[in-house]
Amino acid sequence: MSFIKDPSAAASGLRKIDWVKSNMPILRSLETEFLKTKPFSGLKMTVSVHLEAKTAYLVTVLASGGAQVFATGSNPLSTQDDVAAGLATYQNVEVFGFHGASASEYESHIEAALLSCPDIIIDDGGDLISLLHTKRRDLMKNVRGGCEETTTGILRLQAMEKEGALSFPMIAVNNAMCKYLFDNRYGTGQSVWDGINRTTNLIVAGKTVVVAGYGWCGKGVAMRGKGFGAKVVITEIDPVKALEAYMDGFTVMPMSEAAKIGDFFITVTGCRDVITKEHFPLMKDGAILCNAGHFDVEVSRSDLEDICVSKRERRNNIIGYTLKDGNTLNLIGEGRLVNLAAGDGHPAEIMDMSFALQALSAKYLAEHSNTLKNKVLDVPEEIDRFVANAKLKSLSVAFDSLTEVQMKYLDSWGQ
């Protein structure tokens, strides 16, 4: 039985799901196919992804393929209660989660979604995997494999694989080209600024934006910041990425220097303690702090709590921390994912590709799990290509193909 906050909000959630469905043509085509072929017939699936409308539609598509789906959130502040209520009305779907859950409640929701002993899991950040491999190993007895959505989650999986701790195959959906080139760059770039702008209602043009991390997500955030007219500073620990940021026209410096000049600070690293008590006293009065990495450990909220003399809610989703010198630093969304804690996440058209990859990777696991090793695996190239072709078709974009002569030329070593 579903565990949600407000069943009466279902109508609002269903409207949101219907809206994203109308803007996700690849998933719609998969839904049509799955209704006919039932690739998940008889299987149980647990999905832990941000509980909002696009995720909800993915869950319904999996259910259309014959799966019994148990859905929960992957972040306490990203769950939208009306969407959870709407999703819970679908046949063969159970939902566990509500907005603002405490740490213990959040874990209990994940555990509840796993009690069915699923055959396939879809994870976002690694919390499902972690619980299965620690406190509830008894619930993994049927797991054939799973998919992971994020850079952070894949780092955790790779560490588990290295230690020989990974108990079933996991497909690294985040590493597919149709995921990181579009979701991470364009999706994150747009949705992070959407969350910041709707929450702060402040001008970006002319200000200094500090982006910590220049991976694909950081590139998207920096690009959009530049488009808003900001002066963009990049902080990095990787010399190649730092050089790339410099060549892309951005200023590169350590956080200890960037802290003195930034107006907006956005962490996108997947690591912890990126902005700490070393940096906070250096910042301007009124600086905006936020995080776009999966966990709320990049901007150290505990350090802010330790060094502040007072704190207060300044706007919805913004807490102001006043330091000894009188300067106030403003943290958005408790340092959780700003694009979901303070926004609606990535655009539907972007998540159409990412969730098509998830659905097709889950189908691949259902068909091939008995031949796969307990490793972190790439999305099969044919799935990546299928999604790219489907997206182009939905956009009515045509492109060239090789002739037989060209293919022969490329396969030869002569001229």
Protein backbone atom coordinates (compact mmCIF):
# COMPACT_ATOMS: atom_id res chain seq x y z
CA MET A 1 0.00 0.00 0.00
CA SER A 2 1.30 3.46 -0.94
CA PHE A 3 2.51 5.83 1.77
CA ILE A 4 1.99 9.44 0.68
CA LYS A 5 1.05 12.71 2.36
CA ASP A 6 -2.09 13.93 0.61
CA PRO A 7 -4.15 11.59 -1.61
CA SER A 8 -6.59 14.44 -2.28
CA ALA A 9 -3.88 16.23 -4.30
CA ALA A 10 -3.90 13.53 -6.98
CA ALA A 11 -5.72 15.64 -9.59
CA SER A 12 -2.98 18.27 -9.54
CA GLY A 13 -0.30 15.60 -9.84
CA LEU A 14 -2.07 13.89 -12.73
CA ARG A 15 -2.20 17.20 -14.62
CA LYS A 16 1.57 17.56 -14.18
CA ILE A 17 2.17 14.01 -15.38
CA ASP A 18 -0.05 14.58 -18.41
CA TRP A 19 1.86 17.78 -19.26
CA VAL A 20 5.28 16.12 -19.27
CA LYS A 21 3.91 13.12 -21.17
CA SER A 22 2.88 15.44 -24.00
CA ASN A 23 6.49 16.64 -24.18
CA MET A 24 8.24 13.26 -23.96
CA PRO A 25 7.77 11.59 -27.36
CA ILE A 26 10.43 8.89 -26.93
CA LEU A 27 8.87 7.60 -23.72
CA ARG A 28 5.43 7.73 -25.37
CA SER A 29 6.68 5.49 -28.16
CA LEU A 30 8.22 3.09 -25.63
CA GLU A 31 4.95 3.03 -23.70
CA THR A 32 3.11 2.00 -26.87
CA GLU A 33 5.67 -0.73 -27.54
CA PHE A 34 5.71 -1.97 -23.93
CA LEU A 35 1.92 -2.25 -23.83
CA LYS A 36 2.20 -4.75 -26.69
CA THR A 37 5.36 -6.65 -25.78
CA LYS A 38 5.23 -6.63 -21.92
CA PRO A 39 9.03 -6.94 -21.43
CA PHE A 40 8.68 -6.73 -17.62
CA SER A 41 5.82 -9.16 -17.22
CA GLY A 42 5.96 -10.78 -13.79
CA LEU A 43 8.85 -8.61 -12.59
CA LYS A 44 8.99 -6.28 -9.60
CA MET A 45 10.90 -3.02 -9.94
CA THR A 46 11.94 -0.51 -7.30
CA VAL A 47 12.62 3.01 -8.56
CA SER A 48 14.35 5.63 -6.39
CA VAL A 49 14.51 8.81 -8.45
CA HIS A 50 13.38 12.36 -7.67
CA LEU A 51 9.61 12.02 -7.25
CA GLU A 52 8.31 14.62 -9.67
CA ALA A 53 6.25 14.50 -12.85
CA LYS A 54 8.85 13.25 -15.32
CA THR A 55 9.89 10.43 -13.00
CA ALA A 56 6.24 9.59 -12.45
CA TYR A 57 5.72 9.18 -16.18
CA LEU A 58 8.77 6.88 -16.38
CA VAL A 59 7.24 4.74 -13.63
CA THR A 60 3.96 4.47 -15.54
CA VAL A 61 5.85 3.43 -18.68
CA LEU A 62 7.60 0.66 -16.76
CA ALA A 63 4.26 -0.44 -15.36
CA SER A 64 2.82 -0.50 -18.88
CA GLY A 65 5.49 -3.10 -19.66
CA GLY A 66 4.02 -5.45 -17.09
CA ALA A 67 6.11 -4.55 -14.04
CA GLN A 68 4.84 -4.08 -10.51
CA VAL A 69 6.62 -0.81 -9.65
CA PHE A 70 7.46 0.49 -6.19
CA ALA A 71 8.52 4.13 -6.39
CA THR A 72 10.25 6.33 -3.83
CA GLY A 73 12.23 9.56 -3.85
CA SER A 74 15.97 10.05 -3.95
CA ASN A 75 15.96 13.35 -2.05
CA PRO A 76 13.56 14.47 0.73
CA LEU A 77 13.12 17.96 -0.71
CA SER A 78 12.54 16.99 -4.35
CA THR A 79 9.41 14.91 -3.78
CA GLN A 80 6.28 16.71 -4.97
CA ASP A 81 3.35 15.52 -2.89
CA ASP A 82 0.72 16.08 -5.57
CA VAL A 83 2.72 14.08 -8.09
CA ALA A 84 3.22 11.26 -5.58
CA ALA A 85 -0.53 11.23 -5.02
CA GLY A 86 -1.27 11.21 -8.73
CA LEU A 87 1.21 8.42 -9.39
CA ALA A 88 -0.29 6.31 -6.64
CA THR A 89 -3.58 6.16 -8.58
CA TYR A 90 -2.01 4.10 -11.39
CA GLN A 91 -2.50 0.36 -11.56
CA ASN A 92 0.50 -1.77 -10.53
CA VAL A 93 2.24 1.21 -8.88
CA GLU A 94 2.90 1.87 -5.20
CA VAL A 95 4.49 5.09 -3.95
CA PHE A 96 6.41 5.79 -0.75
CA GLY A 97 7.50 9.31 0.12
CA PHE A 98 6.59 12.86 0.95
CA HIS A 99 8.22 16.27 0.75
CA GLY A 100 10.36 17.30 3.70
CA ALA A 101 10.86 13.82 5.15
CA SER A 102 13.37 13.53 7.98
CA ALA A 103 16.48 11.41 7.45
CA SER A 104 14.89 8.44 9.22
CA GLU A 105 11.59 8.84 7.35
CA TYR A 106 13.44 9.08 4.04
CA GLU A 107 15.29 5.84 4.73
CA SER A 108 12.07 4.14 5.80
CA HIS A 109 10.49 5.12 2.47
CA ILE A 110 13.37 3.54 0.55
CA GLU A 111 13.15 0.43 2.71
CA ALA A 112 9.40 0.18 2.12
CA ALA A 113 9.95 0.35 -1.64
CA LEU A 114 12.40 -2.56 -1.35
CA LEU A 115 10.28 -4.85 0.82
CA SER A 116 8.89 -6.54 -2.30
CA CYS A 117 12.39 -7.96 -2.98
CA PRO A 118 12.56 -6.44 -6.49
CA ASP A 119 14.00 -8.06 -9.60
CA ILE A 120 15.33 -4.78 -11.07
CA ILE A 121 16.18 -1.46 -9.42
CA ILE A 122 16.60 2.04 -10.79
CA ASP A 123 18.65 4.28 -8.52
CA ASP A 124 19.57 7.96 -8.44
CA GLY A 125 22.57 8.68 -6.23
CA GLY A 126 23.10 5.25 -4.72
CA ASP A 127 20.82 5.23 -1.67
CA LEU A 128 18.97 2.11 -2.84
CA ILE A 129 22.23 0.32 -3.49
CA SER A 130 23.67 1.38 -0.16
CA LEU A 131 20.69 0.15 1.85
CA LEU A 132 20.60 -3.17 -0.01
CA HIS A 133 24.30 -3.78 0.58
CA THR A 134 24.29 -2.78 4.26
CA LYS A 135 21.20 -2.95 6.45
CA ARG A 136 18.87 -4.95 4.18
CA ARG A 137 20.90 -7.52 2.29
CA ASP A 138 17.97 -9.89 2.75
CA LEU A 139 15.97 -7.82 0.27
CA MET A 140 18.39 -8.28 -2.64
CA LYS A 141 17.75 -12.00 -3.11
CA ASN A 142 15.83 -11.51 -6.39
CA VAL A 143 17.77 -8.56 -7.83
CA ARG A 144 18.99 -9.25 -11.37
CA GLY A 145 20.60 -5.85 -11.73
CA GLY A 146 19.92 -2.17 -11.87
CA CYS A 147 20.55 1.21 -13.45
CA GLU A 148 22.18 4.30 -11.93
CA GLU A 149 21.28 7.81 -13.06
CA THR A 150 23.99 10.06 -11.58
CA THR A 151 27.70 10.76 -11.52
CA THR A 152 27.66 10.58 -7.72
CA GLY A 153 25.97 7.20 -7.74
CA ILE A 154 28.39 5.77 -10.27
CA LEU A 155 31.37 6.89 -8.18
CA ARG A 156 29.89 4.94 -5.27
CA LEU A 157 29.28 1.91 -7.48
CA GLN A 158 32.81 1.96 -8.85
CA ALA A 159 34.19 2.05 -5.31
CA MET A 160 32.01 -0.96 -4.45
CA GLU A 161 33.15 -2.84 -7.55
CA LYS A 162 36.79 -2.12 -6.75
CA GLU A 163 36.34 -3.61 -3.27
CA GLY A 164 34.45 -6.63 -4.63
CA ALA A 165 31.33 -5.55 -2.74
CA LEU A 166 28.91 -5.11 -5.66
CA SER A 167 26.44 -8.00 -5.60
CA PHE A 168 24.76 -7.58 -8.99
CA PRO A 169 25.36 -5.81 -12.33
CA MET A 170 24.62 -2.09 -12.54
CA ILE A 171 24.29 -0.16 -15.80
CA ALA A 172 25.86 3.30 -15.65
CA VAL A 173 23.14 5.26 -17.43
CA ASN A 174 24.87 8.53 -16.55
CA ASN A 175 27.82 7.53 -18.77
CA ALA A 176 25.71 7.17 -21.91
CA MET A 177 26.34 9.94 -24.45
CA CYS A 178 22.62 10.70 -24.71
CA LYS A 179 22.63 11.28 -20.96
CA TYR A 180 25.70 13.33 -20.05
CA LEU A 181 25.91 15.38 -23.24
CA PHE A 182 22.33 16.61 -22.86
CA ASP A 183 20.90 15.92 -19.39
CA ASN A 184 24.07 16.90 -17.50
CA ARG A 185 24.97 19.86 -19.67
CA TYR A 186 21.76 21.39 -21.02
CA GLY A 187 19.37 20.00 -18.41
CA THR A 188 21.46 20.97 -15.41
CA GLY A 189 22.46 24.27 -16.98
CA GLN A 190 18.85 25.35 -17.38
CA SER A 191 17.25 23.82 -14.29
CA VAL A 192 19.89 25.07 -11.83
CA TRP A 193 19.37 28.65 -12.93
CA ASP A 194 15.62 28.13 -12.94
CA GLY A 195 15.82 27.11 -9.28
CA ILE A 196 18.10 30.02 -8.37
CA ASN A 197 16.14 32.66 -10.24
CA ARG A 198 12.67 31.67 -9.06
CA THR A 199 13.93 31.44 -5.45
CA THR A 200 16.02 34.62 -5.23
CA ASN A 201 14.37 36.92 -7.80
CA LEU A 202 17.77 38.63 -8.19
CA ILE A 203 19.58 39.86 -11.29
CA VAL A 204 22.46 37.72 -12.55
CA ALA A 205 23.84 40.06 -15.22
CA GLY A 206 26.98 41.88 -14.15
CA LYS A 207 27.54 39.71 -11.10
CA THR A 208 30.26 37.14 -10.43
CA VAL A 209 29.19 33.50 -10.47
CA VAL A 210 31.53 30.90 -8.98
CA VAL A 211 30.99 27.39 -10.33
CA ALA A 212 32.80 24.64 -8.44
CA GLY A 213 33.49 21.77 -10.83
CA TYR A 214 33.82 21.81 -14.61
CA GLY A 215 32.42 18.43 -15.55
CA TRP A 216 29.46 18.25 -17.91
CA CYS A 217 27.08 19.66 -15.29
CA GLY A 218 29.48 22.46 -14.40
CA LYS A 219 29.91 23.30 -18.08
CA GLY A 220 26.16 23.69 -18.46
CA VAL A 221 25.82 25.88 -15.37
CA ALA A 222 28.76 28.06 -16.44
CA MET A 223 27.46 28.40 -19.99
CA ARG A 224 24.04 29.54 -18.80
CA GLY A 225 25.55 31.91 -16.25
CA LYS A 226 27.57 33.49 -19.02
CA GLY A 227 24.43 33.75 -21.11
CA PHE A 228 22.75 35.70 -18.30
CA GLY A 229 25.59 38.22 -18.48
CA ALA A 230 27.54 37.09 -15.43
CA LYS A 231 31.29 37.02 -14.98
CA VAL A 232 31.97 33.32 -14.42
CA VAL A 233 34.75 31.89 -12.27
CA ILE A 234 35.55 28.17 -12.25
CA THR A 235 37.21 26.26 -9.42
CA GLU A 236 38.62 22.82 -10.20
CA ILE A 237 40.91 20.08 -8.85
CA ASP A 238 41.55 18.47 -12.25
CA PRO A 239 44.25 20.23 -14.32
CA VAL A 240 42.73 19.15 -17.65
CA LYS A 241 39.27 20.45 -16.74
CA ALA A 242 40.78 23.62 -15.32
CA LEU A 243 42.62 24.18 -18.59
CA GLU A 244 39.46 23.46 -20.58
CA ALA A 245 37.56 26.05 -18.53
CA TYR A 246 40.30 28.59 -19.19
CA MET A 247 40.24 27.86 -22.93
CA ASP A 248 36.44 28.23 -22.86
CA GLY A 249 36.93 31.80 -21.71
CA PHE A 250 36.30 31.48 -17.97
CA THR A 251 38.48 32.68 -15.12
CA VAL A 252 40.00 29.82 -13.11
CA MET A 253 41.17 30.17 -9.51
CA PRO A 254 41.12 28.34 -6.16
CA MET A 255 38.00 28.58 -4.01
CA SER A 256 40.01 30.50 -1.39
CA GLU A 257 40.36 33.33 -3.92
CA ALA A 258 36.97 32.96 -5.59
CA ALA A 259 35.25 33.20 -2.19
CA LYS A 260 36.32 36.87 -1.96
CA ILE A 261 34.64 37.97 -5.19
CA GLY A 262 31.61 35.74 -5.81
CA ASP A 263 27.99 36.82 -5.70
CA PHE A 264 26.56 33.39 -6.53
CA PHE A 265 28.27 30.11 -5.58
CA ILE A 266 27.15 26.86 -7.22
CA THR A 267 28.83 23.55 -6.37
CA VAL A 268 28.67 20.79 -9.00
CA THR A 269 31.42 18.36 -8.00
CA GLY A 270 29.98 15.19 -6.48
CA CYS A 271 32.47 15.58 -3.62
CA ARG A 272 32.11 16.90 -0.08
CA ASP A 273 33.40 20.01 1.75
CA VAL A 274 33.84 22.13 -1.36
CA ILE A 275 32.84 25.34 0.44
CA THR A 276 33.60 25.31 4.17
CA LYS A 277 34.37 27.49 7.21
CA GLU A 278 37.67 28.34 5.52
CA HIS A 279 35.72 30.15 2.80
CA PHE A 280 32.57 31.55 4.43
CA PRO A 281 34.28 34.41 6.36
CA LEU A 282 35.85 35.62 3.10
CA MET A 283 32.53 36.11 1.32
CA LYS A 284 30.55 39.25 0.59
CA ASP A 285 27.47 40.22 2.53
CA GLY A 286 24.45 38.76 0.73
CA ALA A 287 26.30 36.02 -1.18
CA ILE A 288 24.03 33.26 -2.51
CA LEU A 289 25.13 29.67 -1.84
CA CYS A 290 23.65 26.60 -3.51
CA ASN A 291 24.50 23.09 -4.57
CA ALA A 292 23.76 21.14 -7.75
CA GLY A 293 25.54 17.93 -6.76
CA HIS A 294 23.48 14.97 -5.58
CA PHE A 295 24.13 15.12 -1.83
CA ASP A 296 23.92 18.05 0.58
CA VAL A 297 27.60 17.86 1.56
CA GLU A 298 29.27 20.18 -0.95
CA VAL A 299 28.35 23.42 0.80
CA SER A 300 29.07 22.59 4.44
CA ARG A 301 25.89 23.49 6.29
CA SER A 302 27.36 22.17 9.54
CA ASP A 303 30.22 24.66 9.22
CA LEU A 304 27.74 27.47 8.59
CA GLU A 305 25.83 26.44 11.69
CA ASP A 306 29.04 26.41 13.74
CA ILE A 307 30.33 29.85 12.75
CA CYS A 308 27.09 31.84 12.44
CA VAL A 309 25.80 33.99 15.28
CA SER A 310 22.20 33.81 14.05
CA LYS A 311 20.09 32.48 11.22
CA ARG A 312 16.65 33.22 9.83
CA GLU A 313 14.39 32.40 6.92
CA ARG A 314 14.73 35.22 4.41
CA ARG A 315 12.52 33.88 1.63
CA ASN A 316 10.85 30.57 0.99
CA ASN A 317 13.70 28.05 0.65
CA ILE A 318 16.43 30.54 1.67
CA ILE A 319 18.05 30.57 5.10
CA GLY A 320 20.31 33.52 5.92
CA TYR A 321 23.32 32.82 8.18
CA THR A 322 24.76 35.93 9.84
CA LEU A 323 28.44 35.74 10.75
CA LYS A 324 30.40 37.55 13.45
CA ASP A 325 31.34 40.39 11.08
CA GLY A 326 27.66 41.08 10.38
CA ASN A 327 27.68 39.64 6.85
CA THR A 328 24.82 37.34 5.95
CA LEU A 329 25.27 34.36 3.62
CA ASN A 330 22.15 32.92 1.99
CA LEU A 331 21.80 29.16 1.50
CA ILE A 332 19.17 27.86 -0.93
CA GLY A 333 17.29 24.60 -0.31
CA GLU A 334 19.35 23.49 2.70
CA GLY A 335 22.27 22.86 0.36
CA ARG A 336 20.36 20.12 -1.43
CA LEU A 337 19.95 19.89 -5.21
CA VAL A 338 18.91 23.43 -6.07
CA ASN A 339 17.22 22.49 -9.33
CA LEU A 340 14.85 20.12 -7.53
CA ALA A 341 14.73 21.44 -3.98
CA ALA A 342 13.92 24.88 -5.41
CA GLY A 343 12.58 24.01 -8.85
CA ASP A 344 10.98 21.36 -11.06
CA GLY A 345 14.20 19.71 -12.24
CA HIS A 346 15.33 19.27 -15.82
CA PRO A 347 13.07 20.09 -18.76
CA ALA A 348 10.79 17.28 -19.94
CA GLU A 349 12.38 17.08 -23.39
CA ILE A 350 15.79 16.42 -21.82
CA MET A 351 14.56 13.80 -19.37
CA ASP A 352 12.77 12.10 -22.25
CA MET A 353 16.20 10.93 -23.42
CA SER A 354 17.55 10.05 -19.99
CA PHE A 355 14.47 8.10 -18.96
CA ALA A 356 14.30 6.33 -22.32
CA LEU A 357 17.84 5.15 -21.57
CA GLN A 358 16.65 3.99 -18.13
CA ALA A 359 13.67 2.10 -19.52
CA LEU A 360 15.65 0.43 -22.30
CA SER A 361 18.52 -0.44 -19.96
CA ALA A 362 16.03 -2.03 -17.58
CA LYS A 363 14.64 -4.03 -20.51
CA TYR A 364 18.20 -5.09 -21.38
CA LEU A 365 18.72 -6.30 -17.81
CA ALA A 366 15.45 -8.25 -17.90
CA GLU A 367 16.63 -10.03 -21.05
CA HIS A 368 20.38 -10.47 -20.39
CA SER A 369 21.02 -10.41 -16.63
CA ASN A 370 22.04 -14.07 -16.51
CA THR A 371 25.01 -13.30 -18.80
CA LEU A 372 26.23 -10.16 -16.99
CA LYS A 373 28.93 -9.93 -14.30
CA ASN A 374 28.60 -8.03 -11.04
CA LYS A 375 30.23 -4.92 -12.42
CA VAL A 376 29.45 -1.36 -13.42
CA LEU A 377 28.49 -1.69 -17.08
CA ASP A 378 28.11 0.80 -19.92
CA VAL A 379 24.78 1.32 -21.61
CA PRO A 380 24.92 -0.82 -24.78
CA GLU A 381 25.82 1.37 -27.75
CA GLU A 382 22.75 0.29 -29.70
CA ILE A 383 20.53 1.74 -26.94
CA ASP A 384 22.42 5.05 -26.98
CA ARG A 385 22.08 5.24 -30.77
CA PHE A 386 18.42 4.28 -30.68
CA VAL A 387 17.64 7.13 -28.30
CA ALA A 388 19.61 9.63 -30.41
CA ASN A 389 17.78 8.55 -33.57
CA ALA A 390 14.41 8.65 -31.82
CA LYS A 391 15.09 12.15 -30.51
CA LEU A 392 16.09 13.44 -33.95
CA LYS A 393 13.00 11.84 -35.48
CA SER A 394 10.78 13.54 -32.89
CA LEU A 395 12.39 16.85 -33.84
CA SER A 396 11.96 16.18 -37.60
CA VAL A 397 15.74 16.53 -38.01
CA ALA A 398 17.33 14.59 -40.86
CA PHE A 399 21.02 13.73 -41.06
CA ASP A 400 23.42 12.02 -43.45
CA SER A 401 24.56 8.39 -43.50
CA LEU A 402 27.65 6.74 -44.92
CA THR A 403 27.65 5.25 -48.41
CA GLU A 404 28.99 1.73 -48.93
CA VAL A 405 32.13 3.25 -50.47
CA GLN A 406 32.65 5.48 -47.43
CA MET A 407 32.16 2.58 -45.00
CA LYS A 408 34.67 0.50 -46.95
CA TYR A 409 37.11 3.43 -46.92
CA LEU A 410 36.83 3.88 -43.18
CA ASP A 411 37.40 0.15 -42.60
CA SER A 412 40.54 0.05 -44.71
CA TRP A 413 44.11 1.22 -44.05
CA GLY A 414 44.89 2.34 -47.55
CA GLN A 415 43.94 5.51 -49.38
